[in-house]
Amino acid sequence: MIDKNTLTSNQIITGEHLYNEATQFMLASAQHELLIFDQDLSRGDFASVHQYELFRAFLAAHLNSRLVIILQDTRYFLHQCPRLLGLLKIYAHKMQVFVTNDKVKHAKDCFILADGEHYLRRFHIDQARFKYALHDKTTVESLNLRFNDLKEATQDLVTVTPLGL
């Protein structure tokens, strides 16, 4: 978890390891809603057992919990995150994974919104510079608007069940 003595909320922080810890902290902080926009989930330790356990606990904890992930590329998710894919199969009623269309492929930041008041934002996918804050509804509202715009620019919903009769 994030060491409160090392990392300060609402300041720019640099480092891949610290970004992984901040991701864990944000997932652990969520109670009812997690909204994630990422290029492919390859950064932030999303394929780890620990992150899987945090997602599983989040989805199992509340009847109305909701997880929405928007990705620009699903290959990493489909091939390197089998545990998360398994959660999608179990919790399809409260977990959705979307892939964007080509119009928003230029977006290079990533962010996680938790419960409409906490956020973690990586400024550029290729740089481990990020900021997180708790109880910052103003910034979260702004990022939520962006998340909704990105969701409108999705082309497909990732499913784990075959379609057909």
C-alpha atoms as a PDB file:
ATOM      1  CA  MET A   1       0.000   0.000   0.000  1.00  0.00           C
ATOM      2  CA  ILE A   2       0.966   3.610  -0.364  1.00  0.00           C
ATOM      3  CA  ASP A   3       3.190   4.787   2.430  1.00  0.00           C
ATOM      4  CA  LYS A   4       1.617   8.031   3.610  1.00  0.00           C
ATOM      5  CA  ASN A   5       5.047   9.174   4.796  1.00  0.00           C
ATOM      6  CA  THR A   6       6.530   8.876   1.286  1.00  0.00           C
ATOM      7  CA  LEU A   7       3.664   9.797  -1.026  1.00  0.00           C
ATOM      8  CA  THR A   8       1.575  12.875  -0.548  1.00  0.00           C
ATOM      9  CA  SER A   9      -1.905  13.159  -1.956  1.00  0.00           C
ATOM     10  CA  ASN A  10      -2.537  15.848  -4.545  1.00  0.00           C
ATOM     11  CA  GLN A  11       1.119  16.189  -5.605  1.00  0.00           C
ATOM     12  CA  ILE A  12       2.892  14.978  -8.736  1.00  0.00           C
ATOM     13  CA  ILE A  13       4.747  11.730  -8.038  1.00  0.00           C
ATOM     14  CA  THR A  14       7.178   9.889 -10.310  1.00  0.00           C
ATOM     15  CA  GLY A  15       8.068   6.213 -10.459  1.00  0.00           C
ATOM     16  CA  GLU A  16       6.661   3.007 -11.880  1.00  0.00           C
ATOM     17  CA  HIS A  17       6.776   1.189  -8.527  1.00  0.00           C
ATOM     18  CA  LEU A  18       5.007   4.068  -6.815  1.00  0.00           C
ATOM     19  CA  TYR A  19       2.389   4.096  -9.593  1.00  0.00           C
ATOM     20  CA  ASN A  20       1.723   0.394  -8.916  1.00  0.00           C
ATOM     21  CA  GLU A  21       1.296   1.157  -5.217  1.00  0.00           C
ATOM     22  CA  ALA A  22      -1.003   4.091  -5.938  1.00  0.00           C
ATOM     23  CA  THR A  23      -3.098   1.845  -8.196  1.00  0.00           C
ATOM     24  CA  GLN A  24      -3.424  -0.676  -5.363  1.00  0.00           C
ATOM     25  CA  PHE A  25      -4.390   2.091  -2.977  1.00  0.00           C
ATOM     26  CA  MET A  26      -7.065   3.438  -5.338  1.00  0.00           C
ATOM     27  CA  LEU A  27      -8.559  -0.022  -5.904  1.00  0.00           C
ATOM     28  CA  ALA A  28      -8.580  -0.680  -2.172  1.00  0.00           C
ATOM     29  CA  SER A  29     -10.235   2.702  -1.506  1.00  0.00           C
ATOM     30  CA  ALA A  30     -13.228   2.045  -3.768  1.00  0.00           C
ATOM     31  CA  GLN A  31     -16.480   0.967  -2.165  1.00  0.00           C
ATOM     32  CA  HIS A  32     -19.170   1.167  -4.861  1.00  0.00           C
ATOM     33  CA  GLU A  33     -17.833   2.375  -8.209  1.00  0.00           C
ATOM     34  CA  LEU A  34     -14.570   2.070 -10.129  1.00  0.00           C
ATOM     35  CA  LEU A  35     -14.134   3.723 -13.523  1.00  0.00           C
ATOM     36  CA  ILE A  36     -10.854   3.013 -15.307  1.00  0.00           C
ATOM     37  CA  PHE A  37      -9.495   4.412 -18.547  1.00  0.00           C
ATOM     38  CA  ASP A  38      -6.214   2.913 -19.704  1.00  0.00           C
ATOM     39  CA  GLN A  39      -4.452   2.164 -22.963  1.00  0.00           C
ATOM     40  CA  ASP A  40      -4.140  -1.562 -22.251  1.00  0.00           C
ATOM     41  CA  LEU A  41      -3.668  -2.209 -18.461  1.00  0.00           C
ATOM     42  CA  SER A  42       0.002  -3.118 -18.987  1.00  0.00           C
ATOM     43  CA  ARG A  43       1.096  -0.579 -16.362  1.00  0.00           C
ATOM     44  CA  GLY A  44      -0.232  -0.456 -12.830  1.00  0.00           C
ATOM     45  CA  ASP A  45       0.330  -4.146 -12.038  1.00  0.00           C
ATOM     46  CA  PHE A  46      -3.172  -5.097 -13.209  1.00  0.00           C
ATOM     47  CA  ALA A  47      -2.139  -8.676 -14.057  1.00  0.00           C
ATOM     48  CA  SER A  48      -0.933  -9.408 -10.508  1.00  0.00           C
ATOM     49  CA  VAL A  49      -2.649 -11.644  -7.987  1.00  0.00           C
ATOM     50  CA  HIS A  50      -2.829  -8.736  -5.538  1.00  0.00           C
ATOM     51  CA  GLN A  51      -4.716  -6.470  -7.968  1.00  0.00           C
ATOM     52  CA  TYR A  52      -7.015  -9.372  -8.834  1.00  0.00           C
ATOM     53  CA  GLU A  53      -7.819  -9.848  -5.156  1.00  0.00           C
ATOM     54  CA  LEU A  54      -8.615  -6.148  -4.793  1.00  0.00           C
ATOM     55  CA  PHE A  55     -10.944  -6.256  -7.803  1.00  0.00           C
ATOM     56  CA  ARG A  56     -12.593  -9.458  -6.567  1.00  0.00           C
ATOM     57  CA  ALA A  57     -13.124  -8.051  -3.086  1.00  0.00           C
ATOM     58  CA  PHE A  58     -14.554  -4.843  -4.555  1.00  0.00           C
ATOM     59  CA  LEU A  59     -17.019  -6.699  -6.793  1.00  0.00           C
ATOM     60  CA  ALA A  60     -18.058  -9.131  -4.054  1.00  0.00           C
ATOM     61  CA  ALA A  61     -18.434  -6.582  -1.254  1.00  0.00           C
ATOM     62  CA  HIS A  62     -21.594  -4.785  -2.365  1.00  0.00           C
ATOM     63  CA  LEU A  63     -24.627  -5.845  -4.332  1.00  0.00           C
ATOM     64  CA  ASN A  64     -24.565  -2.668  -6.430  1.00  0.00           C
ATOM     65  CA  SER A  65     -20.824  -2.275  -6.968  1.00  0.00           C
ATOM     66  CA  ARG A  66     -19.875  -1.348 -10.520  1.00  0.00           C
ATOM     67  CA  LEU A  67     -16.617  -1.636 -12.460  1.00  0.00           C
ATOM     68  CA  VAL A  68     -16.262  -0.085 -15.914  1.00  0.00           C
ATOM     69  CA  ILE A  69     -12.981  -0.288 -17.821  1.00  0.00           C
ATOM     70  CA  ILE A  70     -12.306   1.486 -21.112  1.00  0.00           C
ATOM     71  CA  LEU A  71      -9.261   0.328 -23.063  1.00  0.00           C
ATOM     72  CA  GLN A  72      -7.710   1.430 -26.325  1.00  0.00           C
ATOM     73  CA  ASP A  73      -6.244  -2.021 -26.941  1.00  0.00           C
ATOM     74  CA  THR A  74      -7.528  -5.251 -25.384  1.00  0.00           C
ATOM     75  CA  ARG A  75      -4.655  -7.607 -26.271  1.00  0.00           C
ATOM     76  CA  TYR A  76      -2.864  -7.283 -22.917  1.00  0.00           C
ATOM     77  CA  PHE A  77      -6.126  -7.644 -21.017  1.00  0.00           C
ATOM     78  CA  LEU A  78      -7.168 -10.731 -23.015  1.00  0.00           C
ATOM     79  CA  HIS A  79      -3.776 -12.491 -22.957  1.00  0.00           C
ATOM     80  CA  GLN A  80      -2.011 -11.327 -19.776  1.00  0.00           C
ATOM     81  CA  CYS A  81      -4.878 -10.759 -17.338  1.00  0.00           C
ATOM     82  CA  PRO A  82      -6.657 -14.127 -17.145  1.00  0.00           C
ATOM     83  CA  ARG A  83      -7.799 -13.487 -13.574  1.00  0.00           C
ATOM     84  CA  LEU A  84      -9.527 -10.232 -14.548  1.00  0.00           C
ATOM     85  CA  LEU A  85     -11.038 -11.984 -17.539  1.00  0.00           C
ATOM     86  CA  GLY A  86     -12.364 -14.605 -15.121  1.00  0.00           C
ATOM     87  CA  LEU A  87     -13.926 -11.857 -13.011  1.00  0.00           C
ATOM     88  CA  LEU A  88     -15.638 -10.556 -16.133  1.00  0.00           C
ATOM     89  CA  LYS A  89     -17.187 -13.991 -16.594  1.00  0.00           C
ATOM     90  CA  ILE A  90     -18.362 -14.188 -12.963  1.00  0.00           C
ATOM     91  CA  TYR A  91     -19.420 -10.550 -12.529  1.00  0.00           C
ATOM     92  CA  ALA A  92     -20.650  -9.652 -16.033  1.00  0.00           C
ATOM     93  CA  HIS A  93     -23.724  -8.093 -14.414  1.00  0.00           C
ATOM     94  CA  LYS A  94     -21.569  -5.486 -12.642  1.00  0.00           C
ATOM     95  CA  MET A  95     -18.354  -5.357 -14.694  1.00  0.00           C
ATOM     96  CA  GLN A  96     -17.957  -4.031 -18.235  1.00  0.00           C
ATOM     97  CA  VAL A  97     -14.874  -3.699 -20.412  1.00  0.00           C
ATOM     98  CA  PHE A  98     -15.071  -1.501 -23.508  1.00  0.00           C
ATOM     99  CA  VAL A  99     -12.625  -0.823 -26.325  1.00  0.00           C
ATOM    100  CA  THR A 100     -12.472   2.637 -27.892  1.00  0.00           C
ATOM    101  CA  ASN A 101     -12.827   3.464 -31.542  1.00  0.00           C
ATOM    102  CA  ASP A 102     -10.033   5.082 -33.570  1.00  0.00           C
ATOM    103  CA  LYS A 103     -11.231   8.636 -32.879  1.00  0.00           C
ATOM    104  CA  VAL A 104      -9.838   8.634 -29.318  1.00  0.00           C
ATOM    105  CA  LYS A 105      -6.674   6.575 -29.824  1.00  0.00           C
ATOM    106  CA  HIS A 106      -4.694   9.811 -29.391  1.00  0.00           C
ATOM    107  CA  ALA A 107      -5.526   9.931 -25.657  1.00  0.00           C
ATOM    108  CA  LYS A 108      -2.328   8.981 -23.802  1.00  0.00           C
ATOM    109  CA  ASP A 109      -3.220   9.552 -20.170  1.00  0.00           C
ATOM    110  CA  CYS A 110      -4.768   6.975 -17.829  1.00  0.00           C
ATOM    111  CA  PHE A 111      -6.986   7.422 -14.814  1.00  0.00           C
ATOM    112  CA  ILE A 112      -8.963   5.617 -12.155  1.00  0.00           C
ATOM    113  CA  LEU A 113     -12.012   7.163 -10.497  1.00  0.00           C
ATOM    114  CA  ALA A 114     -13.328   5.697  -7.259  1.00  0.00           C
ATOM    115  CA  ASP A 115     -16.751   6.399  -5.791  1.00  0.00           C
ATOM    116  CA  GLY A 116     -17.071   9.793  -7.437  1.00  0.00           C
ATOM    117  CA  GLU A 117     -14.526  11.401  -5.123  1.00  0.00           C
ATOM    118  CA  HIS A 118     -11.081   9.780  -5.407  1.00  0.00           C
ATOM    119  CA  TYR A 119      -8.805   9.658  -8.428  1.00  0.00           C
ATOM    120  CA  LEU A 120      -5.449   8.514  -9.736  1.00  0.00           C
ATOM    121  CA  ARG A 121      -4.241  10.067 -12.985  1.00  0.00           C
ATOM    122  CA  ARG A 122      -1.158   9.119 -14.973  1.00  0.00           C
ATOM    123  CA  PHE A 123      -0.367  12.053 -17.231  1.00  0.00           C
ATOM    124  CA  HIS A 124       1.130  10.051 -20.107  1.00  0.00           C
ATOM    125  CA  ILE A 125       1.304   6.302 -20.607  1.00  0.00           C
ATOM    126  CA  ASP A 126       5.035   6.413 -21.395  1.00  0.00           C
ATOM    127  CA  GLN A 127       5.985   8.411 -18.293  1.00  0.00           C
ATOM    128  CA  ALA A 128       5.469   7.279 -14.714  1.00  0.00           C
ATOM    129  CA  ARG A 129       4.317  10.724 -13.561  1.00  0.00           C
ATOM    130  CA  PHE A 130       0.999  10.716 -11.780  1.00  0.00           C
ATOM    131  CA  LYS A 131      -1.170  12.379  -9.214  1.00  0.00           C
ATOM    132  CA  TYR A 132      -3.743  10.939  -6.856  1.00  0.00           C
ATOM    133  CA  ALA A 133      -6.156  12.577  -4.484  1.00  0.00           C
ATOM    134  CA  LEU A 134      -8.832  11.575  -2.030  1.00  0.00           C
ATOM    135  CA  HIS A 135     -12.058  13.522  -1.565  1.00  0.00           C
ATOM    136  CA  ASP A 136     -11.491  15.759  -4.598  1.00  0.00           C
ATOM    137  CA  LYS A 137     -14.975  15.818  -6.114  1.00  0.00           C
ATOM    138  CA  THR A 138     -14.199  18.765  -8.397  1.00  0.00           C
ATOM    139  CA  THR A 139     -11.379  16.994 -10.250  1.00  0.00           C
ATOM    140  CA  VAL A 140     -13.291  13.716 -10.254  1.00  0.00           C
ATOM    141  CA  GLU A 141     -16.326  15.406 -11.829  1.00  0.00           C
ATOM    142  CA  SER A 142     -14.096  16.757 -14.595  1.00  0.00           C
ATOM    143  CA  LEU A 143     -12.490  13.354 -15.187  1.00  0.00           C
ATOM    144  CA  ASN A 144     -15.912  11.705 -15.035  1.00  0.00           C
ATOM    145  CA  LEU A 145     -17.090  13.936 -17.903  1.00  0.00           C
ATOM    146  CA  ARG A 146     -14.029  12.847 -19.856  1.00  0.00           C
ATOM    147  CA  PHE A 147     -14.731   9.205 -18.991  1.00  0.00           C
ATOM    148  CA  ASN A 148     -18.281   9.568 -20.328  1.00  0.00           C
ATOM    149  CA  ASP A 149     -16.947  11.129 -23.556  1.00  0.00           C
ATOM    150  CA  LEU A 150     -14.527   8.207 -23.930  1.00  0.00           C
ATOM    151  CA  LYS A 151     -17.342   5.754 -23.280  1.00  0.00           C
ATOM    152  CA  GLU A 152     -19.367   7.347 -26.061  1.00  0.00           C
ATOM    153  CA  ALA A 153     -16.376   6.720 -28.343  1.00  0.00           C
ATOM    154  CA  THR A 154     -16.275   2.971 -27.704  1.00  0.00           C
ATOM    155  CA  GLN A 155     -16.766   0.545 -30.522  1.00  0.00           C
ATOM    156  CA  ASP A 156     -17.080  -2.801 -28.759  1.00  0.00           C
ATOM    157  CA  LEU A 157     -17.918  -4.382 -25.446  1.00  0.00           C
ATOM    158  CA  VAL A 158     -15.553  -7.188 -24.444  1.00  0.00           C
ATOM    159  CA  THR A 159     -17.501 -10.338 -23.637  1.00  0.00           C
ATOM    160  CA  VAL A 160     -16.371 -13.747 -22.420  1.00  0.00           C
ATOM    161  CA  THR A 161     -19.430 -15.658 -23.528  1.00  0.00           C
ATOM    162  CA  PRO A 162     -19.906 -16.640 -27.155  1.00  0.00           C
ATOM    163  CA  LEU A 163     -22.841 -15.065 -28.916  1.00  0.00           C
ATOM    164  CA  GLY A 164     -25.290 -17.132 -30.893  1.00  0.00           C
ATOM    165  CA  LEU A 165     -28.145 -19.525 -30.513  1.00  0.00           C
END
